[in-house]
Protein backbone atom coordinates (compact mmCIF):
# COMPACT_ATOMS: atom_id res chain seq x y z
CA MET A 1 108.17 61.71 113.33
CA THR A 2 105.06 60.97 115.34
CA PRO A 3 103.30 63.81 117.19
CA ALA A 4 104.60 62.34 120.45
CA ALA A 5 108.18 62.34 119.15
CA ARG A 6 107.82 65.96 118.05
CA HIS A 7 106.68 66.91 121.54
CA ALA A 8 109.60 65.02 123.06
CA ALA A 9 111.98 67.00 120.87
CA ALA A 10 110.26 70.24 121.90
CA ILE A 11 110.72 69.32 125.56
CA GLY A 12 114.48 69.05 125.14
CA ILE A 13 114.67 72.30 123.18
CA LEU A 14 112.59 74.14 125.77
CA ASP A 15 114.81 72.86 128.58
CA ARG A 16 117.81 74.34 126.77
CA TRP A 17 115.93 77.61 126.31
CA LEU A 18 114.96 77.75 129.98
CA ALA A 19 118.63 77.21 130.82
CA GLY A 20 119.52 80.35 128.87
CA GLU A 21 120.13 79.25 125.29
CA ALA A 22 118.41 81.25 122.55
CA ALA A 23 115.47 79.35 121.08
CA GLU A 24 116.71 79.72 117.50
CA LYS A 25 120.10 78.32 118.47
CA ALA A 26 118.53 75.44 120.37
CA LEU A 27 116.31 74.61 117.39
CA THR A 28 119.25 74.77 114.98
CA ASN A 29 121.45 72.58 117.18
CA TRP A 30 118.65 70.03 117.52
CA ALA A 31 118.15 69.91 113.75
CA ARG A 32 121.88 69.42 113.13
CA THR A 33 122.04 66.43 115.46
CA ASN A 34 118.75 64.93 114.27
CA ARG A 35 119.09 65.02 110.49
CA TYR A 36 116.44 62.36 110.06
CA ALA A 37 113.80 64.99 110.84
CA GLY A 38 112.13 66.33 107.71
CA SER A 39 111.16 69.92 107.01
CA GLY A 40 107.61 69.24 108.18
CA ASP A 41 108.89 67.85 111.46
CA ARG A 42 111.19 70.81 112.02
CA ALA A 43 108.39 73.27 111.28
CA ALA A 44 105.98 71.49 113.64
CA ILE A 45 108.54 71.37 116.44
CA ARG A 46 109.31 75.04 115.93
CA ASP A 47 105.61 75.90 116.24
CA ILE A 48 105.31 73.88 119.47
CA VAL A 49 108.39 75.54 120.96
CA PHE A 50 107.42 79.11 120.13
CA GLN A 51 103.83 78.70 121.28
CA SER A 52 105.16 77.33 124.58
CA ILE A 53 107.40 80.39 124.92
CA ARG A 54 104.54 82.76 124.14
CA CYS A 55 102.41 81.13 126.83
CA ARG A 56 105.16 80.34 129.34
CA ARG A 57 103.33 81.50 132.47
CA SER A 58 99.94 80.01 131.74
CA PHE A 59 101.32 76.67 130.52
CA ALA A 60 103.59 76.37 133.58
CA HIS A 61 100.59 77.14 135.79
CA LEU A 62 98.51 74.41 134.19
CA SER A 63 101.23 71.81 134.78
CA GLY A 64 102.72 73.09 138.02
CA ALA A 65 106.25 73.00 136.59
CA GLU A 66 108.29 75.53 134.61
CA THR A 67 110.32 72.95 132.72
CA GLY A 68 110.26 71.81 129.13
CA ARG A 69 108.10 68.87 130.13
CA GLY A 70 105.89 71.12 132.25
CA LEU A 71 105.33 73.60 129.42
CA ILE A 72 104.35 70.83 127.01
CA LEU A 73 102.02 69.27 129.58
CA GLY A 74 100.46 72.68 130.18
CA ALA A 75 100.10 73.26 126.43
CA LEU A 76 98.24 69.97 126.01
CA ARG A 77 95.94 70.80 128.90
CA ALA A 78 95.29 74.28 127.48
CA ALA A 79 94.32 72.65 124.18
CA GLN A 80 92.16 70.12 126.04
CA THR A 81 94.25 67.30 124.58
CA ASP A 82 94.63 64.16 126.68
CA PRO A 83 98.32 64.16 127.75
CA ALA A 84 98.30 60.36 127.83
CA THR A 85 98.17 60.40 124.01
CA VAL A 86 101.57 62.14 123.96
CA PHE A 87 103.25 61.00 127.18
CA THR A 88 103.11 57.35 126.17
CA GLY A 89 106.63 56.19 126.98
CA ASP A 90 106.84 54.60 123.54
CA ARG A 91 110.01 54.91 121.50
CA PHE A 92 110.91 58.61 120.97
CA ALA A 93 107.85 59.70 123.00
CA PRO A 94 107.99 61.46 126.37
CA ALA A 95 107.96 59.23 129.44
CA PRO A 96 104.50 58.45 130.85
CA LEU A 97 102.96 60.81 133.36
CA THR A 98 104.44 60.51 136.81
CA ASP A 99 102.22 59.87 139.81
CA ALA A 100 102.40 63.57 140.67
CA GLU A 101 101.52 64.60 137.11
CA PHE A 102 98.71 62.06 136.98
CA ALA A 103 97.39 63.42 140.28
CA THR A 104 97.17 66.92 138.83
CA GLU A 105 95.53 65.40 135.75
CA THR A 106 92.68 64.09 137.88
CA ALA A 107 92.43 67.32 139.87
CA LEU A 108 93.52 70.08 137.54
CA PRO A 109 94.74 73.38 139.01
CA PRO A 110 92.34 76.30 138.77
CA ALA A 111 92.30 78.08 135.45
CA PRO A 112 94.99 80.77 135.21
CA SER A 113 93.86 84.31 135.82
CA GLY A 114 95.19 87.85 135.69
CA ASN A 115 98.70 88.31 134.38
CA VAL A 116 99.29 84.54 134.43
CA ALA A 117 96.40 83.97 132.03
CA LEU A 118 97.68 86.80 129.82
CA ASP A 119 101.28 85.53 129.93
CA CYS A 120 102.42 88.98 131.01
CA PRO A 121 105.31 89.71 133.38
CA ASP A 122 103.86 91.43 136.44
CA TRP A 123 106.16 94.45 136.29
CA LEU A 124 105.18 95.18 132.68
CA ARG A 125 101.43 95.20 133.17
CA PRO A 126 101.16 98.79 134.52
CA LEU A 127 103.27 100.07 131.61
CA LEU A 128 101.07 98.30 129.07
CA ASP A 129 97.89 99.50 130.78
CA ARG A 130 99.19 103.06 130.65
CA ALA A 131 100.06 102.77 126.96
CA LEU A 132 97.05 100.80 125.74
CA GLY A 133 94.23 101.77 128.11
CA ASP A 134 91.10 99.71 127.58
CA GLN A 135 92.78 97.82 124.71
CA ALA A 136 95.45 96.32 126.97
CA LEU A 137 93.65 93.03 127.67
CA ALA A 138 92.86 92.40 124.01
CA VAL A 139 96.41 93.24 122.92
CA LEU A 140 97.94 90.98 125.57
CA GLU A 141 95.66 88.15 124.46
CA ALA A 142 96.70 88.73 120.84
CA LEU A 143 100.37 88.50 121.85
CA ARG A 144 99.74 84.95 123.09
CA HIS A 145 99.12 83.74 119.54
CA ARG A 146 101.14 83.31 116.39
CA ALA A 147 101.47 86.36 114.14
CA PRO A 148 100.24 86.43 110.55
CA VAL A 149 102.79 86.40 107.74
CA PHE A 150 102.85 89.50 105.55
CA LEU A 151 104.51 90.33 102.27
CA ARG A 152 105.29 93.66 100.64
CA VAL A 153 104.76 93.75 96.90
CA ASN A 154 107.84 95.33 95.35
CA SER A 155 106.46 97.90 92.91
CA LEU A 156 109.86 98.03 91.18
CA ARG A 157 109.20 94.51 89.93
CA ALA A 158 105.45 93.91 89.86
CA THR A 159 101.98 95.24 90.51
CA VAL A 160 99.96 93.83 93.37
CA ASP A 161 97.81 91.82 90.95
CA GLN A 162 100.89 90.40 89.21
CA ALA A 163 102.45 89.39 92.52
CA VAL A 164 99.24 87.77 93.74
CA ALA A 165 98.96 85.78 90.50
CA ALA A 166 102.59 84.68 90.61
CA LEU A 167 102.26 83.50 94.19
CA GLN A 168 98.97 81.75 93.47
CA ALA A 169 100.61 79.86 90.60
CA GLU A 170 102.99 78.38 93.18
CA GLY A 171 100.20 77.47 95.59
CA ILE A 172 100.73 80.43 97.93
CA ASP A 173 97.43 82.07 98.87
CA THR A 174 97.25 85.73 99.87
CA ARG A 175 94.76 88.49 100.51
CA PRO A 176 95.14 92.27 100.74
CA ALA A 177 96.16 93.64 104.13
CA PRO A 178 94.42 96.94 104.87
CA LEU A 179 97.30 98.70 106.63
CA SER A 180 99.25 99.35 103.42
CA PRO A 181 98.30 99.32 99.72
CA ARG A 182 101.20 96.99 98.88
CA ALA A 183 100.76 94.60 101.81
CA LEU A 184 99.55 91.03 101.42
CA GLU A 185 98.68 88.62 104.19
CA VAL A 186 99.68 85.04 103.41
CA THR A 187 96.72 82.77 104.08
CA GLY A 188 98.07 79.51 102.72
CA ASN A 189 101.49 77.81 102.40
CA ALA A 190 103.47 80.61 104.04
CA ARG A 191 106.53 78.37 104.36
CA ARG A 192 106.82 78.19 100.57
CA VAL A 193 107.38 81.93 100.19
CA GLN A 194 111.15 82.04 100.58
CA THR A 195 111.70 79.20 98.11
CA SER A 196 109.23 80.56 95.57
CA ALA A 197 110.12 81.96 92.15
CA ALA A 198 108.16 85.12 92.99
CA PHE A 199 110.39 85.74 96.01
CA ALA A 200 113.59 84.91 94.12
CA ALA A 201 112.62 87.33 91.36
CA GLY A 202 112.12 90.17 93.84
CA LEU A 203 108.37 90.50 93.34
CA VAL A 204 107.75 90.32 97.08
CA GLU A 205 109.61 90.79 100.34
CA LEU A 206 108.71 89.51 103.78
CA GLN A 207 107.72 92.57 105.81
CA ASP A 208 105.11 93.14 108.48
CA ALA A 209 102.15 95.22 107.36
CA ALA A 210 102.55 97.75 110.17
CA SER A 211 106.21 98.18 109.25
CA GLN A 212 105.05 98.95 105.72
CA ALA A 213 102.49 101.40 107.08
CA VAL A 214 105.27 103.26 108.92
CA VAL A 215 107.10 103.74 105.62
CA ASP A 216 103.86 104.95 104.04
CA LEU A 217 103.74 107.74 106.65
CA LEU A 218 107.14 109.13 105.64
CA PRO A 219 106.89 112.41 103.67
CA LEU A 220 109.24 111.37 100.87
CA THR A 221 109.94 113.53 97.82
CA ALA A 222 111.49 112.31 94.58
CA GLY A 223 115.28 112.61 94.48
CA ALA A 224 115.59 113.27 98.23
CA ARG A 225 118.64 112.17 100.20
CA VAL A 226 117.37 109.72 102.80
CA LEU A 227 119.26 108.05 105.64
CA ASP A 228 118.03 104.86 107.29
CA LEU A 229 120.12 105.35 110.42
CA CYS A 230 119.32 102.13 112.31
CA ALA A 231 118.65 100.06 109.22
CA GLY A 232 118.93 96.57 110.72
CA GLY A 233 118.15 94.16 107.90
CA GLY A 234 117.19 97.05 105.62
CA GLY A 235 113.51 96.28 105.09
CA LYS A 236 112.41 99.89 105.40
CA SER A 237 115.21 101.03 103.07
CA LEU A 238 113.91 98.64 100.42
CA ALA A 239 110.33 99.78 101.02
CA MET A 240 111.33 103.43 100.60
CA ALA A 241 113.21 102.62 97.40
CA ALA A 242 110.08 100.97 96.02
CA ARG A 243 107.97 104.06 96.73
CA MET A 244 109.91 106.46 94.52
CA SER A 245 113.33 107.38 93.16
CA LEU A 246 115.49 108.41 96.12
CA GLN A 247 119.12 108.58 97.18
CA ILE A 248 118.98 106.08 100.03
CA PHE A 249 121.81 105.54 102.51
CA ALA A 250 121.63 102.68 105.01
CA HIS A 251 123.67 102.43 108.19
CA ASP A 252 123.62 100.30 111.32
CA ILE A 253 125.95 100.29 114.29
CA ASP A 254 126.10 96.50 113.86
CA ALA A 255 127.38 96.21 110.29
CA GLY A 256 126.70 92.47 110.31
CA ARG A 257 122.98 93.13 110.28
CA LEU A 258 123.38 94.72 106.84
CA SER A 259 125.35 91.83 105.35
CA ASP A 260 122.41 90.46 103.34
CA LEU A 261 121.15 93.85 102.17
CA PRO A 262 123.22 94.18 98.97
CA ALA A 263 121.90 90.86 97.68
CA ARG A 264 118.34 91.74 98.69
CA ALA A 265 118.62 95.17 97.07
CA GLY A 266 119.94 93.60 93.87
CA ARG A 267 117.05 91.14 93.80
CA ALA A 268 114.58 93.97 94.37
CA GLY A 269 116.16 96.34 91.83
CA ALA A 270 116.52 98.93 94.60
CA PRO A 271 119.62 101.18 94.44
CA LEU A 272 121.08 101.71 97.92
CA HIS A 273 124.32 102.98 99.37
CA LEU A 274 125.59 101.28 102.54
CA LEU A 275 127.53 103.45 104.95
CA ASP A 276 130.21 101.75 107.02
CA ASP A 277 132.05 103.24 109.98
CA ALA A 278 134.70 104.81 107.74
CA GLU A 279 132.03 106.44 105.61
CA GLY A 280 129.66 107.26 108.44
CA PRO A 281 126.42 109.25 108.35
CA GLU A 282 128.10 112.39 109.73
CA ARG A 283 130.46 112.53 106.76
CA MET A 284 127.58 112.20 104.28
CA ALA A 285 125.17 114.58 106.03
CA PRO A 286 122.94 116.49 105.67
CA PHE A 287 119.94 114.42 104.62
CA ASP A 288 116.46 115.52 103.64
CA LEU A 289 114.95 112.75 105.77
CA VAL A 290 116.51 110.66 108.50
CA LEU A 291 114.65 107.57 109.68
CA ALA A 292 115.66 106.41 113.15
CA ASP A 293 114.05 103.00 113.67
CA ALA A 294 115.55 102.70 117.12
CA PRO A 295 116.46 99.60 119.14
CA CYS A 296 113.61 98.89 121.53
CA SER A 297 111.87 96.31 123.69
CA GLY A 298 110.24 94.77 120.64
CA SER A 299 107.00 94.56 122.59
CA GLY A 300 104.96 95.10 119.44
CA SER A 301 106.49 91.99 117.87
CA TRP A 302 106.37 89.60 120.82
CA ARG A 303 104.16 87.27 118.79
CA ARG A 304 107.10 86.74 116.44
CA ALA A 305 109.90 87.00 118.99
CA PRO A 306 108.33 85.90 122.28
CA GLU A 307 111.66 85.37 124.05
CA ALA A 308 112.07 89.14 124.26
CA LYS A 309 109.04 89.39 126.54
CA TRP A 310 110.73 87.26 129.18
CA ARG A 311 114.22 88.74 128.75
CA LEU A 312 113.14 92.36 129.18
CA THR A 313 113.77 93.89 132.60
CA ALA A 314 113.07 97.31 134.08
CA GLU A 315 116.80 97.99 134.02
CA ARG A 316 117.07 97.06 130.35
CA LEU A 317 114.08 99.24 129.50
CA THR A 318 115.80 102.20 131.17
CA GLN A 319 118.93 101.50 129.12
CA LEU A 320 116.89 101.32 125.91
CA CYS A 321 115.23 104.67 126.63
CA ALA A 322 118.66 106.27 127.09
CA ILE A 323 119.83 104.74 123.80
CA GLN A 324 116.72 106.04 122.04
CA ASP A 325 117.34 109.54 123.41
CA SER A 326 120.92 109.49 122.12
CA ILE A 327 119.82 108.23 118.69
CA LEU A 328 117.24 111.01 118.38
CA THR A 329 119.85 113.61 119.28
CA ARG A 330 122.32 112.17 116.78
CA ALA A 331 119.71 111.89 114.05
CA ALA A 332 118.54 115.48 114.48
CA ALA A 333 122.06 116.74 113.78
CA LEU A 334 122.05 114.90 110.44
CA VAL A 335 118.87 116.52 109.09
CA ALA A 336 119.16 119.28 106.50
CA PRO A 337 117.37 122.62 107.05
CA GLY A 338 113.70 122.07 106.28
CA GLY A 339 114.21 118.32 106.50
CA VAL A 340 112.42 115.62 108.46
CA LEU A 341 113.37 113.34 111.33
CA ALA A 342 111.22 110.21 111.54
CA TYR A 343 111.37 108.15 114.72
CA ALA A 344 110.04 104.60 114.88
CA THR A 345 110.00 101.61 117.19
CA CYS A 346 108.30 98.23 117.19
CA SER A 347 107.23 98.94 120.77
CA LEU A 348 103.86 99.35 122.44
CA LEU A 349 105.25 101.19 125.47
CA GLU A 350 104.85 104.94 125.92
CA ASP A 351 108.19 104.91 127.72
CA GLU A 352 109.87 104.22 124.37
CA ASN A 353 107.46 106.14 122.18
CA SER A 354 105.56 109.29 123.12
CA ASP A 355 107.71 109.81 126.23
CA ARG A 356 110.86 109.83 124.10
CA ILE A 357 109.34 112.34 121.69
CA ALA A 358 108.28 114.58 124.57
CA ALA A 359 111.76 114.37 126.08
CA PHE A 360 113.34 115.20 122.72
CA LEU A 361 111.11 118.24 122.23
CA ASP A 362 111.94 119.42 125.74
CA ARG A 363 115.64 119.25 124.85
CA HIS A 364 115.12 120.70 121.36
CA PRO A 365 112.48 123.46 121.46
CA ASP A 366 113.33 124.32 117.84
CA TRP A 367 111.60 121.10 116.73
CA ARG A 368 107.93 120.14 116.54
CA CYS A 369 106.04 116.87 116.08
CA ASP A 370 103.84 116.97 112.98
CA LEU A 371 102.38 113.49 113.34
CA SER A 372 102.50 110.42 115.56
CA ARG A 373 100.82 107.06 115.12
CA GLN A 374 100.63 103.92 117.25
CA PHE A 375 99.80 100.59 115.63
CA THR A 376 98.86 97.59 117.78
CA PRO A 377 98.20 93.92 117.01
CA LEU A 378 94.51 94.83 117.06
CA ASP A 379 95.16 96.62 113.76
CA GLY A 380 96.05 93.21 112.36
CA ALA A 381 99.85 93.28 112.33
CA ASP A 382 102.71 94.03 114.72
CA GLY A 383 102.78 96.93 117.13
CA PHE A 384 104.69 99.93 115.76
CA PHE A 385 105.07 103.57 116.68
CA ALA A 386 106.06 106.38 114.34
CA ALA A 387 106.52 110.13 114.78
CA ILE A 388 107.37 112.76 112.16
CA LEU A 389 109.47 115.67 113.47
CA ARG A 390 110.48 118.97 111.84
CA ARG A 391 112.49 121.97 112.89
CA VAL A 392 110.36 125.00 113.71
CA ASP A 393 111.02 127.80 111.17
């Protein structure tokens, strides 16, 4: 496909997204009906689509239209690329610029400013300012750009040096990521990782470096009974299993999210026990450590999942905070005497982080917070929050 044809495809996909369809679904449906497109074409189109979603407000401002075509026109203007090289009207290319679009091309709108330039919903800005202080502008700018790709070296299968060498032999370049001793940032050929022999052999797992750093904070002891209460895909369960020998139990209210975990655990050589609804956490309690990686706004990972930024509302945030409170209360009841409750989110917002810990401690004066840590994209990876809680003796 030509660059113009790729942009034309992105326009159609973005129109479907703006109409309410999930971007991943729109991309998948496009690929199924356009099987002539190669893997390179699909990857390029995906990059165009997700960058347009990240920068929805500023790109729409630069074109004057919040449509698929408008977002692509705004993206080209932001990149200082002549739109006429893409909007050619040739076969498979977008139609030429209209008179109105050409008029704005000769008299461009003023550069975006404020929340528009930062691609930030207006209602969220005060919450981010409160949480991030003088780092807010830099974090918001970082969220406008694609996230790095990180790997976790699985110490059950390889050392860091062995994993680096195995990846390098397949043309995948990496470098150490400072947030965790087993984290690697992929600097070349990231799209080869999941088809690599190193990945298939369980030497590495895809996992954000800040997510790995959260696991590093957990006060694990050999042989402990550990519950990953909101396990999702199970990445933190696998990371804990790689740290030391533990009895790890994984549970999620949406059992479908755990469907791939047995195969991943087998590949990694990580013994895990999945708890379904019939064999729930309450029946297996108590646990020496309970990790509650709670559902949240995902604001720390908006570089990877930019749709969430535009879907979040004040009402939904209030609902999430209530869910987080209930999860903390449930998790606390599962902790053995002298045990630990670890709370985590991939959020940047105090509403979901320190405020939830404060509210929990108000409700449970027999608990204390031993440690809390906020990671932001300025640390090099996703935004994550973690707190370590213990009962007061």
